[in-house]
Amino acid sequence: SLAHVVGAHYHLVHGSACSYSLPPVLRHMAPAVPQKVKRIGRILGASFDGGETPEQIGEKAAAAYAAFRDGLGMPPVREAGVVVEDIDALAELVVHEPFAQLTPVPVDHAAAVKLLREMLDL
C-alpha cells in the first residue's frame, strides 16, 4: 500500500517505491508474523539468536534489507525527488488503498503516518 501510494503520487518506479517501503513494513508486521519476518531477515543475512522480541526481529530484518538495498546502489529516498507537503493526506490515501486491508496488522491513520515517516526519513 505504501509503495502504491508513494509511487503513484511521486512518479517513482514501483520497484523503487517497494525498496523504500519494505523496511518500515517489516518492522510494522513483525509483531503479527515474527517467524515470516525472521525468515526474510535470514535470507538477507541477518543473524538471530532466538531470544529476540518480535520488534527486535523486525528491526534486524529491516536493517538487513536496507543494507541489501543500499548495496545495490539505490539512492536515498530524498534523492528520488520525494518532498512531502501533507503527510496526513498521504496517510489517508494509504489507509484507503485496497491492499492496506489485507495486511496481518491493521493500517489505520496513525500507523500510515508512522510508516510514511519511516519510509521517507521524515
N, C-alpha and C. Protein backbone atom coordinates (compact mmCIF):
# COMPACT_ATOMS: atom_id res chain seq x y z
N SER A 1 0.82 -1.19 0.00
CA SER A 1 0.00 0.00 0.00
C SER A 1 0.86 1.26 0.00
N LEU A 2 1.91 1.25 0.82
CA LEU A 2 2.81 2.41 0.83
C LEU A 2 3.43 2.63 -0.54
N ALA A 3 3.95 1.56 -1.11
CA ALA A 3 4.61 1.68 -2.41
C ALA A 3 3.64 2.12 -3.49
N HIS A 4 2.42 1.62 -3.46
CA HIS A 4 1.43 2.03 -4.46
C HIS A 4 1.15 3.52 -4.37
N VAL A 5 0.89 3.99 -3.16
CA VAL A 5 0.53 5.40 -2.97
C VAL A 5 1.72 6.31 -3.24
N VAL A 6 2.85 6.03 -2.61
CA VAL A 6 4.01 6.91 -2.77
C VAL A 6 4.52 6.86 -4.21
N GLY A 7 4.54 5.66 -4.79
CA GLY A 7 5.00 5.54 -6.17
C GLY A 7 4.13 6.32 -7.14
N ALA A 8 2.81 6.19 -7.00
CA ALA A 8 1.90 6.91 -7.89
C ALA A 8 1.97 8.42 -7.65
N HIS A 9 2.02 8.81 -6.40
CA HIS A 9 2.00 10.23 -6.06
C HIS A 9 3.27 10.95 -6.51
N TYR A 10 4.41 10.28 -6.38
CA TYR A 10 5.69 10.91 -6.70
C TYR A 10 6.33 10.37 -7.98
N HIS A 11 5.58 9.59 -8.73
CA HIS A 11 6.04 9.06 -10.01
C HIS A 11 7.33 8.26 -9.88
N LEU A 12 7.37 7.40 -8.85
CA LEU A 12 8.51 6.50 -8.66
C LEU A 12 8.22 5.17 -9.33
N VAL A 13 9.23 4.56 -9.87
CA VAL A 13 9.11 3.19 -10.39
C VAL A 13 8.64 2.31 -9.23
N HIS A 14 7.74 1.37 -9.50
CA HIS A 14 7.16 0.56 -8.44
C HIS A 14 8.23 -0.18 -7.63
N GLY A 15 9.22 -0.73 -8.28
CA GLY A 15 10.27 -1.44 -7.56
C GLY A 15 11.05 -0.53 -6.62
N SER A 16 11.29 0.69 -7.05
CA SER A 16 11.97 1.65 -6.18
C SER A 16 11.10 1.99 -4.98
N ALA A 17 9.82 2.23 -5.23
CA ALA A 17 8.90 2.54 -4.13
C ALA A 17 8.86 1.37 -3.14
N CYS A 18 8.84 0.16 -3.65
CA CYS A 18 8.85 -1.03 -2.77
C CYS A 18 10.14 -1.08 -1.96
N SER A 19 11.25 -0.75 -2.59
CA SER A 19 12.54 -0.83 -1.88
C SER A 19 12.59 0.16 -0.72
N TYR A 20 11.94 1.29 -0.85
CA TYR A 20 11.92 2.26 0.24
C TYR A 20 10.90 1.88 1.32
N SER A 21 9.83 1.23 0.92
CA SER A 21 8.76 0.93 1.88
C SER A 21 9.00 -0.34 2.69
N LEU A 22 9.79 -1.26 2.19
CA LEU A 22 9.91 -2.55 2.87
C LEU A 22 10.48 -2.48 4.29
N PRO A 23 11.52 -1.72 4.59
CA PRO A 23 12.00 -1.71 5.98
C PRO A 23 10.93 -1.32 7.01
N PRO A 24 10.20 -0.22 6.82
CA PRO A 24 9.16 0.07 7.81
C PRO A 24 8.04 -0.96 7.84
N VAL A 25 7.74 -1.53 6.69
CA VAL A 25 6.69 -2.56 6.65
C VAL A 25 7.14 -3.80 7.43
N LEU A 26 8.39 -4.19 7.31
CA LEU A 26 8.89 -5.34 8.08
C LEU A 26 8.78 -5.07 9.57
N ARG A 27 9.14 -3.87 10.00
CA ARG A 27 9.01 -3.53 11.42
C ARG A 27 7.55 -3.54 11.86
N HIS A 28 6.68 -3.04 11.01
CA HIS A 28 5.25 -2.96 11.35
C HIS A 28 4.61 -4.35 11.44
N MET A 29 5.01 -5.25 10.57
CA MET A 29 4.39 -6.58 10.50
C MET A 29 5.00 -7.58 11.48
N ALA A 30 6.21 -7.35 11.95
CA ALA A 30 6.90 -8.32 12.80
C ALA A 30 6.11 -8.75 14.04
N PRO A 31 5.41 -7.86 14.74
CA PRO A 31 4.66 -8.33 15.91
C PRO A 31 3.57 -9.36 15.57
N ALA A 32 3.02 -9.29 14.37
CA ALA A 32 1.96 -10.23 13.98
C ALA A 32 2.50 -11.50 13.34
N VAL A 33 3.59 -11.38 12.61
CA VAL A 33 4.14 -12.54 11.88
C VAL A 33 5.66 -12.60 12.05
N PRO A 34 6.13 -12.74 13.29
CA PRO A 34 7.58 -12.67 13.52
C PRO A 34 8.38 -13.76 12.80
N GLN A 35 7.83 -14.95 12.66
CA GLN A 35 8.59 -16.01 12.00
C GLN A 35 8.77 -15.73 10.52
N LYS A 36 7.76 -15.18 9.89
CA LYS A 36 7.89 -14.82 8.47
C LYS A 36 8.91 -13.69 8.29
N VAL A 37 8.86 -12.71 9.16
CA VAL A 37 9.81 -11.59 9.07
C VAL A 37 11.23 -12.10 9.37
N LYS A 38 11.35 -13.00 10.33
CA LYS A 38 12.66 -13.57 10.64
C LYS A 38 13.21 -14.33 9.43
N ARG A 39 12.36 -15.05 8.75
CA ARG A 39 12.80 -15.80 7.56
C ARG A 39 13.33 -14.85 6.49
N ILE A 40 12.62 -13.74 6.30
CA ILE A 40 13.09 -12.74 5.34
C ILE A 40 14.45 -12.20 5.78
N GLY A 41 14.56 -11.90 7.07
CA GLY A 41 15.83 -11.40 7.60
C GLY A 41 16.97 -12.37 7.37
N ARG A 42 16.71 -13.64 7.63
CA ARG A 42 17.77 -14.66 7.42
C ARG A 42 18.19 -14.73 5.96
N ILE A 43 17.21 -14.69 5.06
CA ILE A 43 17.53 -14.72 3.62
C ILE A 43 18.46 -13.57 3.27
N LEU A 44 18.27 -12.45 3.96
CA LEU A 44 19.06 -11.26 3.68
C LEU A 44 20.35 -11.18 4.51
N GLY A 45 20.62 -12.23 5.28
CA GLY A 45 21.88 -12.30 6.01
C GLY A 45 21.83 -11.88 7.46
N ALA A 46 20.66 -11.60 8.00
CA ALA A 46 20.57 -11.22 9.41
C ALA A 46 20.78 -12.46 10.28
N SER A 47 21.36 -12.24 11.44
CA SER A 47 21.57 -13.32 12.41
C SER A 47 20.60 -13.14 13.57
N PHE A 48 20.04 -14.25 14.01
CA PHE A 48 19.12 -14.24 15.14
C PHE A 48 19.58 -15.29 16.14
N ASP A 49 19.54 -14.96 17.43
CA ASP A 49 19.96 -15.92 18.45
C ASP A 49 18.79 -16.66 19.07
N GLY A 50 17.57 -16.30 18.69
CA GLY A 50 16.39 -16.99 19.21
C GLY A 50 15.73 -16.30 20.38
N GLY A 51 16.40 -15.31 20.96
CA GLY A 51 15.83 -14.63 22.10
C GLY A 51 15.24 -13.26 21.77
N GLU A 52 15.14 -12.94 20.50
CA GLU A 52 14.65 -11.62 20.09
C GLU A 52 13.14 -11.51 20.28
N THR A 53 12.73 -10.31 20.63
CA THR A 53 11.30 -10.00 20.65
C THR A 53 10.85 -9.82 19.19
N PRO A 54 9.56 -9.86 18.93
CA PRO A 54 9.10 -9.59 17.57
C PRO A 54 9.58 -8.23 17.05
N GLU A 55 9.63 -7.24 17.92
CA GLU A 55 10.09 -5.92 17.50
C GLU A 55 11.57 -5.96 17.10
N GLN A 56 12.38 -6.70 17.86
CA GLN A 56 13.79 -6.83 17.52
C GLN A 56 13.98 -7.60 16.21
N ILE A 57 13.14 -8.59 16.00
CA ILE A 57 13.17 -9.33 14.73
C ILE A 57 12.90 -8.36 13.58
N GLY A 58 11.88 -7.52 13.75
CA GLY A 58 11.56 -6.54 12.72
C GLY A 58 12.70 -5.59 12.46
N GLU A 59 13.35 -5.13 13.52
CA GLU A 59 14.49 -4.22 13.36
C GLU A 59 15.63 -4.88 12.61
N LYS A 60 15.96 -6.11 12.99
CA LYS A 60 17.07 -6.81 12.34
C LYS A 60 16.77 -7.09 10.87
N ALA A 61 15.56 -7.53 10.59
CA ALA A 61 15.19 -7.81 9.21
C ALA A 61 15.17 -6.53 8.38
N ALA A 62 14.64 -5.45 8.95
CA ALA A 62 14.60 -4.18 8.25
C ALA A 62 16.02 -3.67 7.96
N ALA A 63 16.91 -3.79 8.94
CA ALA A 63 18.29 -3.35 8.75
C ALA A 63 18.98 -4.19 7.67
N ALA A 64 18.73 -5.49 7.68
CA ALA A 64 19.34 -6.37 6.67
C ALA A 64 18.84 -6.01 5.27
N TYR A 65 17.55 -5.73 5.16
CA TYR A 65 17.01 -5.36 3.85
C TYR A 65 17.58 -4.01 3.40
N ALA A 66 17.62 -3.03 4.31
CA ALA A 66 18.14 -1.71 3.94
C ALA A 66 19.59 -1.81 3.48
N ALA A 67 20.39 -2.65 4.15
CA ALA A 67 21.78 -2.84 3.74
C ALA A 67 21.85 -3.47 2.35
N PHE A 68 20.98 -4.44 2.09
CA PHE A 68 20.92 -5.07 0.77
C PHE A 68 20.56 -4.03 -0.29
N ARG A 69 19.49 -3.28 -0.03
CA ARG A 69 19.02 -2.25 -0.97
C ARG A 69 20.12 -1.22 -1.24
N ASP A 70 20.71 -0.72 -0.17
CA ASP A 70 21.74 0.31 -0.32
C ASP A 70 22.96 -0.24 -1.06
N GLY A 71 23.26 -1.52 -0.83
CA GLY A 71 24.37 -2.16 -1.52
C GLY A 71 24.16 -2.27 -3.02
N LEU A 72 22.90 -2.20 -3.44
CA LEU A 72 22.59 -2.23 -4.87
C LEU A 72 22.75 -0.86 -5.52
N GLY A 73 22.99 0.14 -4.68
CA GLY A 73 23.19 1.49 -5.22
C GLY A 73 21.93 2.33 -5.30
N MET A 74 20.87 1.92 -4.61
CA MET A 74 19.65 2.73 -4.61
C MET A 74 19.95 4.07 -3.94
N PRO A 75 19.56 5.15 -4.54
CA PRO A 75 19.79 6.44 -3.89
C PRO A 75 18.87 6.58 -2.68
N PRO A 76 19.25 7.40 -1.72
CA PRO A 76 18.34 7.65 -0.60
C PRO A 76 17.02 8.20 -1.12
N VAL A 77 15.95 7.94 -0.40
CA VAL A 77 14.63 8.35 -0.86
C VAL A 77 14.56 9.86 -1.10
N ARG A 78 15.30 10.64 -0.32
CA ARG A 78 15.31 12.09 -0.51
C ARG A 78 15.86 12.48 -1.88
N GLU A 79 16.77 11.68 -2.42
CA GLU A 79 17.34 11.97 -3.73
C GLU A 79 16.43 11.51 -4.87
N ALA A 80 15.36 10.81 -4.52
CA ALA A 80 14.42 10.32 -5.54
C ALA A 80 13.35 11.36 -5.86
N GLY A 81 13.45 12.54 -5.25
CA GLY A 81 12.52 13.61 -5.57
C GLY A 81 11.25 13.62 -4.72
N VAL A 82 11.26 12.93 -3.61
CA VAL A 82 10.09 12.88 -2.75
C VAL A 82 10.15 14.02 -1.74
N VAL A 83 9.21 14.94 -1.84
CA VAL A 83 9.09 16.04 -0.90
C VAL A 83 7.65 16.03 -0.40
N VAL A 84 7.47 15.73 0.86
CA VAL A 84 6.13 15.59 1.43
C VAL A 84 5.64 16.94 1.93
N GLU A 85 4.51 17.34 1.40
CA GLU A 85 3.90 18.59 1.84
C GLU A 85 2.78 18.34 2.84
N ASP A 86 2.06 17.23 2.68
CA ASP A 86 0.93 16.94 3.56
C ASP A 86 0.91 15.45 3.89
N ILE A 87 1.60 15.09 4.96
CA ILE A 87 1.70 13.67 5.32
C ILE A 87 0.35 13.09 5.72
N ASP A 88 -0.52 13.90 6.30
CA ASP A 88 -1.83 13.39 6.69
C ASP A 88 -2.67 13.00 5.47
N ALA A 89 -2.62 13.80 4.43
CA ALA A 89 -3.36 13.46 3.21
C ALA A 89 -2.78 12.20 2.57
N LEU A 90 -1.46 12.10 2.55
CA LEU A 90 -0.82 10.91 2.01
C LEU A 90 -1.19 9.68 2.84
N ALA A 91 -1.22 9.83 4.16
CA ALA A 91 -1.60 8.72 5.04
C ALA A 91 -3.03 8.26 4.76
N GLU A 92 -3.91 9.18 4.51
CA GLU A 92 -5.30 8.79 4.20
C GLU A 92 -5.37 7.99 2.91
N LEU A 93 -4.55 8.34 1.94
CA LEU A 93 -4.50 7.55 0.70
C LEU A 93 -4.02 6.14 0.99
N VAL A 94 -3.03 6.00 1.87
CA VAL A 94 -2.52 4.67 2.24
C VAL A 94 -3.61 3.86 2.92
N VAL A 95 -4.30 4.47 3.88
CA VAL A 95 -5.35 3.77 4.63
C VAL A 95 -6.43 3.25 3.70
N HIS A 96 -6.77 4.02 2.68
CA HIS A 96 -7.87 3.64 1.79
C HIS A 96 -7.41 2.88 0.55
N GLU A 97 -6.13 2.64 0.43
CA GLU A 97 -5.62 1.84 -0.68
C GLU A 97 -6.11 0.41 -0.45
N PRO A 98 -6.68 -0.25 -1.46
CA PRO A 98 -7.30 -1.57 -1.24
C PRO A 98 -6.43 -2.63 -0.57
N PHE A 99 -5.14 -2.66 -0.86
CA PHE A 99 -4.29 -3.69 -0.27
C PHE A 99 -4.01 -3.47 1.21
N ALA A 100 -4.23 -2.25 1.70
CA ALA A 100 -3.97 -1.96 3.11
C ALA A 100 -4.81 -2.83 4.04
N GLN A 101 -5.97 -3.23 3.59
CA GLN A 101 -6.86 -4.03 4.43
C GLN A 101 -6.51 -5.52 4.41
N LEU A 102 -5.54 -5.90 3.62
CA LEU A 102 -5.17 -7.32 3.52
C LEU A 102 -3.96 -7.67 4.38
N THR A 103 -3.45 -6.74 5.14
CA THR A 103 -2.26 -6.99 5.94
C THR A 103 -2.61 -7.63 7.27
N PRO A 104 -1.67 -8.38 7.86
CA PRO A 104 -1.95 -9.01 9.16
C PRO A 104 -2.00 -8.03 10.32
N VAL A 105 -1.53 -6.81 10.11
CA VAL A 105 -1.60 -5.76 11.12
C VAL A 105 -2.39 -4.61 10.50
N PRO A 106 -3.44 -4.16 11.17
CA PRO A 106 -4.24 -3.08 10.59
C PRO A 106 -3.41 -1.83 10.30
N VAL A 107 -3.79 -1.14 9.25
CA VAL A 107 -3.13 0.10 8.87
C VAL A 107 -4.17 1.21 9.00
N ASP A 108 -4.16 1.86 10.17
CA ASP A 108 -5.04 3.00 10.39
C ASP A 108 -4.24 4.27 10.10
N HIS A 109 -4.85 5.41 10.34
CA HIS A 109 -4.19 6.68 10.01
C HIS A 109 -2.87 6.84 10.76
N ALA A 110 -2.88 6.57 12.05
CA ALA A 110 -1.66 6.72 12.86
C ALA A 110 -0.55 5.80 12.36
N ALA A 111 -0.91 4.56 12.04
CA ALA A 111 0.09 3.61 11.53
C ALA A 111 0.63 4.07 10.17
N ALA A 112 -0.27 4.58 9.32
CA ALA A 112 0.16 5.05 8.00
C ALA A 112 1.12 6.23 8.13
N VAL A 113 0.83 7.15 9.04
CA VAL A 113 1.73 8.29 9.25
C VAL A 113 3.10 7.79 9.72
N LYS A 114 3.10 6.87 10.67
CA LYS A 114 4.36 6.32 11.19
C LYS A 114 5.15 5.63 10.08
N LEU A 115 4.48 4.80 9.29
CA LEU A 115 5.14 4.09 8.19
C LEU A 115 5.70 5.08 7.18
N LEU A 116 4.92 6.08 6.83
CA LEU A 116 5.39 7.07 5.86
C LEU A 116 6.59 7.86 6.40
N ARG A 117 6.54 8.24 7.67
CA ARG A 117 7.68 8.96 8.25
C ARG A 117 8.95 8.12 8.20
N GLU A 118 8.81 6.84 8.51
CA GLU A 118 9.98 5.95 8.46
C GLU A 118 10.45 5.76 7.03
N MET A 119 9.51 5.53 6.13
CA MET A 119 9.86 5.29 4.73
C MET A 119 10.56 6.49 4.11
N LEU A 120 10.07 7.67 4.44
CA LEU A 120 10.54 8.89 3.78
C LEU A 120 11.58 9.66 4.59
N ASP A 121 12.07 9.03 5.66
CA ASP A 121 13.09 9.65 6.51
C ASP A 121 12.67 11.04 7.00
N LEU A 122 11.45 11.13 7.49
CA LEU A 122 10.94 12.42 7.98
C LEU A 122 11.12 12.52 9.48
